Amino acid sequence: MKFKLDENLRTHGASRWATAGHEVETVRGEGMGGAADDVLFAKCCAEGRVLVTLDHDFGHVLRFPPEDGAGIVILEPGPRTTPARLLARIRDLLAALDVHELKGALWIIEPGRVRIHDRRDSSD
C-alpha cells in the first residue's frame, strides 16, 4: 500500500512502514511543506496514496471525501503528542491493516481503538 505522511509527522515511523511492505513518501521530502490541505488531498488522490496526518481538518468528509482517493488516516496520539505515542498509533494502524481494508475510508486511530468511517457502502 502507498502512503504519504503529512508534514506534521515528519518521518516518524517511516522504517516501520517499509518493514511492513508499504511504500511511504513524505510531504516534506517532496517539497510540499506548507501546501494547502486541498492541494495535498488532490495530490494524494492523484497518486493513489493514503494520507496519514495529525490534522483533524481531514476528518471533514464533505470537503475531503476519502472515497475519492486511497483513504485518509488521522492519528490521535492522546493528550500530549510524543514520539512514543505517535509510534504507538502507527503500530496500531499497521496492525489494523491486517484486519480491515483502508481503501476509500477515513480511519481515526486513537489510543485503544480505531474508528472507521466508510461511506462507500452507504445508500445516500
C-alpha atoms as a PDB file:
ATOM      1  CA  MET A   1       0.000   0.000   0.000  1.00  0.00           C
ATOM      2  CA  LYS A   2       1.191   3.535  -0.729  1.00  0.00           C
ATOM      3  CA  PHE A   3       1.140   6.213   1.983  1.00  0.00           C
ATOM      4  CA  LYS A   4       2.002   9.897   2.240  1.00  0.00           C
ATOM      5  CA  LEU A   5       2.980  11.260   5.658  1.00  0.00           C
ATOM      6  CA  ASP A   6       1.785  14.813   6.263  1.00  0.00           C
ATOM      7  CA  GLU A   7       4.373  17.378   7.280  1.00  0.00           C
ATOM      8  CA  ASN A   8       3.180  17.271  10.901  1.00  0.00           C
ATOM      9  CA  LEU A   9       4.514  13.695  11.104  1.00  0.00           C
ATOM     10  CA  ARG A  10       7.894  14.399   9.529  1.00  0.00           C
ATOM     11  CA  THR A  11       9.336  10.894   9.057  1.00  0.00           C
ATOM     12  CA  HIS A  12       8.004   9.267  12.249  1.00  0.00           C
ATOM     13  CA  GLY A  13       7.950   5.537  11.838  1.00  0.00           C
ATOM     14  CA  ALA A  14       8.972   5.584   8.168  1.00  0.00           C
ATOM     15  CA  SER A  15      11.140   2.500   8.681  1.00  0.00           C
ATOM     16  CA  ARG A  16       8.169   0.625  10.216  1.00  0.00           C
ATOM     17  CA  TRP A  17       6.138   1.255   7.068  1.00  0.00           C
ATOM     18  CA  ALA A  18       8.872  -0.157   4.835  1.00  0.00           C
ATOM     19  CA  THR A  19       9.397  -3.178   7.101  1.00  0.00           C
ATOM     20  CA  ALA A  20       5.673  -3.911   6.810  1.00  0.00           C
ATOM     21  CA  GLY A  21       5.990  -3.814   2.997  1.00  0.00           C
ATOM     22  CA  HIS A  22       4.437  -0.402   2.363  1.00  0.00           C
ATOM     23  CA  GLU A  23       5.705   2.478   0.241  1.00  0.00           C
ATOM     24  CA  VAL A  24       5.976   5.805   2.044  1.00  0.00           C
ATOM     25  CA  GLU A  25       6.553   9.338   0.809  1.00  0.00           C
ATOM     26  CA  THR A  26       6.594  12.434   2.989  1.00  0.00           C
ATOM     27  CA  VAL A  27       5.182  15.870   2.309  1.00  0.00           C
ATOM     28  CA  ARG A  28       8.463  17.458   3.365  1.00  0.00           C
ATOM     29  CA  GLY A  29      10.505  15.064   1.258  1.00  0.00           C
ATOM     30  CA  GLU A  30       8.517  16.125  -1.793  1.00  0.00           C
ATOM     31  CA  GLY A  31       8.999  19.839  -1.038  1.00  0.00           C
ATOM     32  CA  MET A  32       5.292  20.342  -0.310  1.00  0.00           C
ATOM     33  CA  GLY A  33       5.733  21.824   3.166  1.00  0.00           C
ATOM     34  CA  GLY A  34       3.092  24.489   3.747  1.00  0.00           C
ATOM     35  CA  ALA A  35       0.880  23.276   0.882  1.00  0.00           C
ATOM     36  CA  ALA A  36      -2.823  23.933   1.278  1.00  0.00           C
ATOM     37  CA  ASP A  37      -4.883  20.988   2.509  1.00  0.00           C
ATOM     38  CA  ASP A  38      -6.849  20.916  -0.752  1.00  0.00           C
ATOM     39  CA  VAL A  39      -3.639  20.671  -2.783  1.00  0.00           C
ATOM     40  CA  LEU A  40      -2.264  17.901  -0.576  1.00  0.00           C
ATOM     41  CA  PHE A  41      -5.511  15.917  -0.731  1.00  0.00           C
ATOM     42  CA  ALA A  42      -5.680  16.237  -4.531  1.00  0.00           C
ATOM     43  CA  LYS A  43      -2.058  15.055  -4.852  1.00  0.00           C
ATOM     44  CA  CYS A  44      -2.702  12.025  -2.645  1.00  0.00           C
ATOM     45  CA  CYS A  45      -5.795  11.154  -4.697  1.00  0.00           C
ATOM     46  CA  ALA A  46      -3.893  11.505  -7.967  1.00  0.00           C
ATOM     47  CA  GLU A  47      -1.037   9.318  -6.687  1.00  0.00           C
ATOM     48  CA  GLY A  48      -3.296   6.702  -5.095  1.00  0.00           C
ATOM     49  CA  ARG A  49      -1.703   7.321  -1.695  1.00  0.00           C
ATOM     50  CA  VAL A  50      -3.336   7.151   1.708  1.00  0.00           C
ATOM     51  CA  LEU A  51      -2.818  10.424   3.562  1.00  0.00           C
ATOM     52  CA  VAL A  52      -1.613   9.925   7.148  1.00  0.00           C
ATOM     53  CA  THR A  53      -1.867  13.054   9.286  1.00  0.00           C
ATOM     54  CA  LEU A  54      -2.459  14.579  12.699  1.00  0.00           C
ATOM     55  CA  ASP A  55      -4.664  17.262  11.124  1.00  0.00           C
ATOM     56  CA  HIS A  56      -8.308  16.804  12.142  1.00  0.00           C
ATOM     57  CA  ASP A  57      -9.432  19.045   9.267  1.00  0.00           C
ATOM     58  CA  PHE A  58      -9.084  15.983   7.024  1.00  0.00           C
ATOM     59  CA  GLY A  59     -11.921  14.408   9.022  1.00  0.00           C
ATOM     60  CA  HIS A  60     -14.390  16.712   7.239  1.00  0.00           C
ATOM     61  CA  VAL A  61     -15.614  14.110   4.755  1.00  0.00           C
ATOM     62  CA  LEU A  62     -17.645  16.561   2.679  1.00  0.00           C
ATOM     63  CA  ARG A  63     -14.550  18.654   1.990  1.00  0.00           C
ATOM     64  CA  PHE A  64     -12.141  15.696   1.772  1.00  0.00           C
ATOM     65  CA  PRO A  65     -14.181  12.647   0.674  1.00  0.00           C
ATOM     66  CA  PRO A  66     -11.934   9.675   1.471  1.00  0.00           C
ATOM     67  CA  GLU A  67     -13.713   7.552  -1.135  1.00  0.00           C
ATOM     68  CA  ASP A  68     -12.301   9.863  -3.835  1.00  0.00           C
ATOM     69  CA  GLY A  69      -8.837   8.515  -3.115  1.00  0.00           C
ATOM     70  CA  ALA A  70      -6.964   5.733  -1.387  1.00  0.00           C
ATOM     71  CA  GLY A  71      -8.160   6.871   2.050  1.00  0.00           C
ATOM     72  CA  ILE A  72      -7.272   9.107   4.964  1.00  0.00           C
ATOM     73  CA  VAL A  73      -5.814   8.214   8.362  1.00  0.00           C
ATOM     74  CA  ILE A  74      -5.865  10.669  11.256  1.00  0.00           C
ATOM     75  CA  LEU A  75      -3.575   9.707  14.107  1.00  0.00           C
ATOM     76  CA  GLU A  76      -4.726  10.821  17.545  1.00  0.00           C
ATOM     77  CA  PRO A  77      -1.761  10.316  19.877  1.00  0.00           C
ATOM     78  CA  GLY A  78      -3.565  11.352  23.068  1.00  0.00           C
ATOM     79  CA  PRO A  79      -3.432  14.405  25.317  1.00  0.00           C
ATOM     80  CA  ARG A  80       0.256  15.088  24.643  1.00  0.00           C
ATOM     81  CA  THR A  81       1.957  14.304  21.365  1.00  0.00           C
ATOM     82  CA  THR A  82       5.226  12.498  21.941  1.00  0.00           C
ATOM     83  CA  PRO A  83       7.321  10.403  19.549  1.00  0.00           C
ATOM     84  CA  ALA A  84       6.475   7.271  21.556  1.00  0.00           C
ATOM     85  CA  ARG A  85       2.735   7.947  21.284  1.00  0.00           C
ATOM     86  CA  LEU A  86       2.996   8.601  17.562  1.00  0.00           C
ATOM     87  CA  LEU A  87       4.862   5.339  17.045  1.00  0.00           C
ATOM     88  CA  ALA A  88       2.211   3.530  19.096  1.00  0.00           C
ATOM     89  CA  ARG A  89      -0.542   4.886  16.815  1.00  0.00           C
ATOM     90  CA  ILE A  90       1.464   3.873  13.735  1.00  0.00           C
ATOM     91  CA  ARG A  91       1.797   0.349  15.162  1.00  0.00           C
ATOM     92  CA  ASP A  92      -1.985   0.347  15.756  1.00  0.00           C
ATOM     93  CA  LEU A  93      -2.569   1.434  12.168  1.00  0.00           C
ATOM     94  CA  LEU A  94      -0.290  -1.220  10.707  1.00  0.00           C
ATOM     95  CA  ALA A  95      -1.976  -3.891  12.837  1.00  0.00           C
ATOM     96  CA  ALA A  96      -5.438  -2.736  11.733  1.00  0.00           C
ATOM     97  CA  LEU A  97      -4.402  -3.081   8.080  1.00  0.00           C
ATOM     98  CA  ASP A  98      -4.212  -6.833   8.643  1.00  0.00           C
ATOM     99  CA  VAL A  99      -7.907  -6.908   9.572  1.00  0.00           C
ATOM    100  CA  HIS A 100      -9.656  -4.101   7.671  1.00  0.00           C
ATOM    101  CA  GLU A 101      -9.498  -2.561   4.217  1.00  0.00           C
ATOM    102  CA  LEU A 102      -8.465   1.089   4.243  1.00  0.00           C
ATOM    103  CA  LYS A 103      -9.073   1.985   0.587  1.00  0.00           C
ATOM    104  CA  GLY A 104     -11.520   4.881   0.320  1.00  0.00           C
ATOM    105  CA  ALA A 105     -12.211   5.110   4.053  1.00  0.00           C
ATOM    106  CA  LEU A 106     -11.402   7.526   6.867  1.00  0.00           C
ATOM    107  CA  TRP A 107      -9.682   5.956   9.853  1.00  0.00           C
ATOM    108  CA  ILE A 108      -9.129   7.748  13.132  1.00  0.00           C
ATOM    109  CA  ILE A 109      -6.539   5.890  15.193  1.00  0.00           C
ATOM    110  CA  GLU A 110      -6.894   6.680  18.900  1.00  0.00           C
ATOM    111  CA  PRO A 111      -5.346   5.075  21.971  1.00  0.00           C
ATOM    112  CA  GLY A 112      -7.151   1.763  22.351  1.00  0.00           C
ATOM    113  CA  ARG A 113      -9.425   1.984  19.306  1.00  0.00           C
ATOM    114  CA  VAL A 114      -9.717   2.531  15.576  1.00  0.00           C
ATOM    115  CA  ARG A 115     -12.761   4.421  14.292  1.00  0.00           C
ATOM    116  CA  ILE A 116     -13.571   3.591  10.690  1.00  0.00           C
ATOM    117  CA  HIS A 117     -15.806   5.781   8.544  1.00  0.00           C
ATOM    118  CA  ASP A 118     -16.548   4.086   5.248  1.00  0.00           C
ATOM    119  CA  ARG A 119     -19.155   5.817   3.076  1.00  0.00           C
ATOM    120  CA  ARG A 120     -18.615   3.630   0.014  1.00  0.00           C
ATOM    121  CA  ASP A 121     -21.388   1.241   1.020  1.00  0.00           C
ATOM    122  CA  SER A 122     -23.885   3.882   2.136  1.00  0.00           C
ATOM    123  CA  SER A 123     -27.045   4.351   0.111  1.00  0.00           C
ATOM    124  CA  ASP A 124     -27.093   8.168   0.090  1.00  0.00           C
END
